[in-house]
Amino acid sequence: MLNNRFRIKRFQKNCRCVVVFLFVFFLLNGTALAAGKKSKETRSPRSSTDEVFTVDGFRSARFGMTEKEVMRAIYKDFRISKTKMERHIHPTEKTVNLGITIENILPGSGPAKVFYILGYKSRRLIQINIAWGKPVMPKPDASQVVNLANQLRDHFAGKRFQEKGRAVNAPLGQDAILVFRGQDAAGRTVLLLLINPKIEGQPENQNITLKLSYIQDPEKPDVFQIKDEEF
């Protein structure tokens, strides 16, 4: 669904629940990927703790929050005011998207775009997408993006998720890798994808993208859908 040459505006429009899983069908070029070179790395060490990891949002933003509550959470976490947030209604899925730019979510992680998505019917927070690399930066540092992917993979791999649906360093062909996927007991999902397409005439590793998504209900996203009886 996402074109490999997407720009920030287009990426913002496409940050939604359905896109997260369609991303899985992209392919990853192994030239810059340290995380997924070996098939034996498809499982990482698990934490010895019995505490069940809960996917309930990102930092102060929690699933189910209203738009005003999300804005307050953004200000609390990043000191970004309402006037500096990008807001739009998705043209087909009718969700509300709030977007911000952060220089370093983690030390040395580089700039990121964060999108908070509120459902079509509920108008409450249903998903958060965070993106690094292209198109946030015109010329991303591939090693920086891969290092961040490894950091985040190790962080999530040490948490206790359901065994069903869990994946670590799962190659998705030539240009993409599912760095991590995990679900909590309620089915809420963390998805980490690394995409590094080759584009003819462009240097290698200049289109690398890392996307982290927190999804409340991947099976039944709160987006506008045409009913069968309507057409």
Protein backbone atom coordinates (compact mmCIF):
# COMPACT_ATOMS: atom_id res chain seq x y z
CA MET A 1 0.00 0.00 0.00
CA LEU A 2 2.80 2.41 0.76
CA ASN A 3 4.87 3.45 -2.22
CA ASN A 4 8.58 3.16 -1.58
CA ARG A 5 8.99 6.75 -2.71
CA PHE A 6 6.38 8.11 -0.35
CA ARG A 7 6.88 11.57 1.15
CA ILE A 8 6.06 12.75 4.67
CA LYS A 9 2.60 14.03 3.71
CA ARG A 10 1.68 10.82 2.00
CA PHE A 11 3.13 8.76 4.82
CA GLN A 12 1.04 10.76 7.29
CA LYS A 13 -2.12 10.07 5.29
CA ASN A 14 -1.40 6.37 5.23
CA CYS A 15 -0.57 5.88 8.93
CA ARG A 16 -3.53 3.73 9.84
CA CYS A 17 -4.37 0.30 11.13
CA VAL A 18 -4.76 -1.55 7.84
CA VAL A 19 -1.45 -0.22 6.53
CA VAL A 20 0.43 -1.70 9.45
CA PHE A 21 -0.21 -5.24 8.34
CA LEU A 22 0.07 -4.54 4.64
CA PHE A 23 3.58 -3.31 5.43
CA VAL A 24 4.44 -6.94 6.10
CA PHE A 25 4.35 -7.63 2.37
CA PHE A 26 7.21 -5.24 1.63
CA LEU A 27 10.62 -6.79 1.08
CA LEU A 28 13.92 -5.88 2.72
CA ASN A 29 17.36 -5.53 1.13
CA GLY A 30 19.87 -7.27 3.42
CA THR A 31 22.77 -4.92 2.58
CA ALA A 32 22.27 -2.67 5.62
CA LEU A 33 20.48 -5.03 7.98
CA ALA A 34 22.44 -6.46 10.88
CA ALA A 35 19.32 -7.58 12.71
CA GLY A 36 18.17 -10.30 10.34
CA LYS A 37 21.10 -11.82 8.53
CA LYS A 38 20.84 -15.27 10.08
CA SER A 39 17.74 -17.43 10.24
CA LYS A 40 18.88 -18.86 13.58
CA GLU A 41 18.34 -15.39 15.05
CA THR A 42 14.58 -15.63 14.62
CA ARG A 43 14.23 -16.03 18.38
CA SER A 44 15.81 -13.85 21.03
CA PRO A 45 16.32 -14.55 24.72
CA ARG A 46 13.15 -14.15 26.76
CA SER A 47 12.92 -12.36 30.07
CA SER A 48 12.75 -14.56 33.14
CA THR A 49 10.10 -12.34 34.69
CA ASP A 50 6.51 -13.62 34.89
CA GLU A 51 5.08 -10.15 34.43
CA VAL A 52 2.82 -9.97 31.38
CA PHE A 53 3.66 -7.05 29.11
CA THR A 54 0.69 -4.83 28.36
CA VAL A 55 0.42 -2.86 25.13
CA ASP A 56 -1.65 0.13 26.22
CA GLY A 57 -0.20 3.00 24.19
CA PHE A 58 2.97 5.04 23.92
CA ARG A 59 4.36 6.89 26.94
CA SER A 60 1.55 9.04 28.41
CA ALA A 61 -0.81 8.43 25.47
CA ARG A 62 -3.15 5.54 26.20
CA PHE A 63 -5.60 3.69 23.99
CA GLY A 64 -9.10 5.04 24.47
CA MET A 65 -8.04 8.65 25.10
CA THR A 66 -10.00 11.47 23.49
CA GLU A 67 -8.30 13.94 21.16
CA LYS A 68 -7.90 16.52 23.91
CA GLU A 69 -6.44 13.90 26.24
CA VAL A 70 -3.98 12.81 23.54
CA MET A 71 -2.91 16.42 23.01
CA ARG A 72 -2.31 16.82 26.72
CA ALA A 73 -0.29 13.58 26.73
CA ILE A 74 1.82 14.85 23.82
CA TYR A 75 2.52 18.08 25.65
CA LYS A 76 3.40 16.19 28.83
CA ASP A 77 5.81 13.88 27.00
CA PHE A 78 7.40 16.25 24.50
CA ARG A 79 6.36 19.81 25.40
CA ILE A 80 4.76 20.24 21.98
CA SER A 81 1.72 22.50 21.97
CA LYS A 82 -1.48 22.05 19.98
CA THR A 83 -0.44 24.74 17.49
CA LYS A 84 2.63 22.71 16.48
CA MET A 85 0.73 19.46 15.90
CA GLU A 86 -0.33 18.41 12.41
CA ARG A 87 -3.99 17.36 12.30
CA HIS A 88 -5.98 15.91 9.46
CA ILE A 89 -8.88 13.57 8.71
CA HIS A 90 -7.90 10.57 6.64
CA PRO A 91 -9.69 10.90 3.27
CA THR A 92 -10.96 7.30 3.06
CA GLU A 93 -10.83 5.82 6.55
CA LYS A 94 -12.08 9.01 8.26
CA THR A 95 -9.75 8.66 11.23
CA VAL A 96 -8.22 11.69 12.94
CA ASN A 97 -4.43 11.80 12.73
CA LEU A 98 -2.26 13.96 14.98
CA GLY A 99 1.37 14.21 13.88
CA ILE A 100 4.49 15.56 15.56
CA THR A 101 8.23 15.54 14.87
CA ILE A 102 10.69 14.55 17.61
CA GLU A 103 14.45 15.02 17.30
CA ASN A 104 15.56 12.17 19.58
CA ILE A 105 12.99 9.89 21.19
CA LEU A 106 15.95 7.83 22.37
CA PRO A 107 19.54 9.09 22.68
CA GLY A 108 21.11 9.15 19.22
CA SER A 109 18.00 7.76 17.52
CA GLY A 110 17.64 10.69 15.13
CA PRO A 111 14.47 12.54 14.14
CA ALA A 112 11.17 10.68 14.08
CA LYS A 113 7.60 11.34 13.03
CA VAL A 114 4.96 10.22 15.52
CA PHE A 115 1.33 9.81 14.48
CA TYR A 116 -1.54 9.36 16.94
CA ILE A 117 -4.61 7.88 15.26
CA LEU A 118 -8.14 8.25 16.64
CA GLY A 119 -10.89 5.92 15.44
CA TYR A 120 -13.59 6.83 12.94
CA LYS A 121 -16.56 6.05 15.21
CA SER A 122 -15.07 6.30 18.68
CA ARG A 123 -12.80 9.33 18.06
CA ARG A 124 -10.54 7.76 20.63
CA LEU A 125 -6.90 6.68 20.35
CA ILE A 126 -6.58 3.35 18.55
CA GLN A 127 -2.99 3.37 17.22
CA ILE A 128 0.39 5.11 17.39
CA ASN A 129 2.91 4.94 14.54
CA ILE A 130 6.54 6.08 14.86
CA ALA A 131 8.82 6.31 11.83
CA TRP A 132 12.55 6.89 11.43
CA GLY A 133 14.70 7.16 8.33
CA LYS A 134 13.14 7.99 4.96
CA PRO A 135 11.11 10.18 4.48
CA VAL A 136 11.64 11.81 7.88
CA MET A 137 15.24 12.46 6.77
CA PRO A 138 16.09 13.00 3.08
CA LYS A 139 19.39 11.13 3.54
CA PRO A 140 19.04 8.81 6.54
CA ASP A 141 22.00 7.25 8.32
CA ALA A 142 21.40 3.54 7.64
CA SER A 143 23.63 2.34 10.48
CA GLN A 144 21.78 4.60 12.92
CA VAL A 145 18.42 3.21 11.79
CA VAL A 146 19.61 -0.40 12.03
CA ASN A 147 21.14 0.17 15.46
CA LEU A 148 17.82 1.55 16.64
CA ALA A 149 15.99 -1.44 15.17
CA ASN A 150 18.29 -3.75 17.13
CA GLN A 151 17.78 -1.74 20.34
CA LEU A 152 14.01 -1.84 20.05
CA ARG A 153 14.00 -5.53 19.08
CA ASP A 154 16.03 -6.45 22.15
CA HIS A 155 13.79 -4.32 24.35
CA PHE A 156 10.57 -5.97 23.17
CA ALA A 157 12.05 -9.47 22.87
CA GLY A 158 12.79 -9.35 26.59
CA LYS A 159 9.12 -8.77 27.39
CA ARG A 160 6.54 -11.46 27.92
CA PHE A 161 4.13 -11.60 24.98
CA GLN A 162 1.79 -14.34 23.83
CA GLU A 163 3.65 -17.05 21.96
CA LYS A 164 1.02 -17.04 19.21
CA GLY A 165 1.86 -14.45 16.60
CA ARG A 166 5.23 -13.61 18.13
CA ALA A 167 8.04 -13.06 15.63
CA VAL A 168 11.64 -11.86 15.85
CA ASN A 169 13.86 -11.10 12.83
CA ALA A 170 11.50 -12.72 10.33
CA PRO A 171 12.69 -11.99 6.76
CA LEU A 172 9.91 -10.89 4.42
CA GLY A 173 11.76 -11.31 1.18
CA GLN A 174 14.45 -9.13 -0.32
CA ASP A 175 13.54 -5.64 0.92
CA ALA A 176 11.85 -5.94 4.33
CA ILE A 177 12.08 -7.66 7.68
CA LEU A 178 9.64 -8.07 10.51
CA VAL A 179 12.06 -7.12 13.27
CA PHE A 180 9.53 -7.81 16.00
CA ARG A 181 5.85 -8.57 16.46
CA GLY A 182 4.17 -9.33 19.76
CA GLN A 183 0.66 -9.38 21.22
CA ASP A 184 -0.51 -9.04 24.78
CA ALA A 185 -3.31 -11.07 26.37
CA ALA A 186 -5.95 -8.75 24.87
CA GLY A 187 -4.55 -9.02 21.36
CA ARG A 188 -3.08 -5.52 21.34
CA THR A 189 0.00 -5.53 19.15
CA VAL A 190 3.51 -4.12 18.86
CA LEU A 191 4.89 -4.23 15.32
CA LEU A 192 8.42 -3.23 14.28
CA LEU A 193 9.24 -3.21 10.55
CA LEU A 194 12.44 -2.37 8.72
CA ILE A 195 12.24 -1.59 5.00
CA ASN A 196 15.25 -0.93 2.79
CA PRO A 197 14.26 -0.95 -0.89
CA LYS A 198 16.67 -0.68 -3.77
CA ILE A 199 15.69 2.08 -6.18
CA GLU A 200 17.38 2.21 -9.54
CA GLY A 201 19.71 5.16 -9.89
CA GLN A 202 19.89 5.85 -6.15
CA PRO A 203 22.63 4.91 -3.67
CA GLU A 204 22.03 1.85 -1.51
CA ASN A 205 20.50 2.32 1.93
CA GLN A 206 19.20 5.84 1.18
CA ASN A 207 15.54 4.75 1.43
CA ILE A 208 15.71 2.79 4.66
CA THR A 209 12.69 3.18 6.96
CA LEU A 210 11.97 1.84 10.44
CA LYS A 211 8.37 1.86 11.62
CA LEU A 212 7.11 1.03 15.10
CA SER A 213 3.36 0.65 15.65
CA TYR A 214 1.25 0.15 18.75
CA ILE A 215 -2.17 -1.17 17.72
CA GLN A 216 -5.23 -1.52 19.93
CA ASP A 217 -7.26 -3.89 17.74
CA PRO A 218 -5.49 -5.11 14.58
CA GLU A 219 -8.35 -7.49 13.74
CA LYS A 220 -11.14 -4.92 13.81
CA PRO A 221 -9.71 -1.42 13.33
CA ASP A 222 -12.09 1.48 13.93
CA VAL A 223 -12.01 2.88 10.39
CA PHE A 224 -14.71 3.78 7.89
CA GLN A 225 -15.76 0.83 5.76
CA ILE A 226 -18.41 0.55 3.08
CA LYS A 227 -21.16 -1.82 4.15
CA ASP A 228 -22.08 -4.75 1.91
CA GLU A 229 -25.68 -3.60 1.53
CA GLU A 230 -24.67 -0.10 0.42
CA PHE A 231 -23.27 -1.18 -2.97
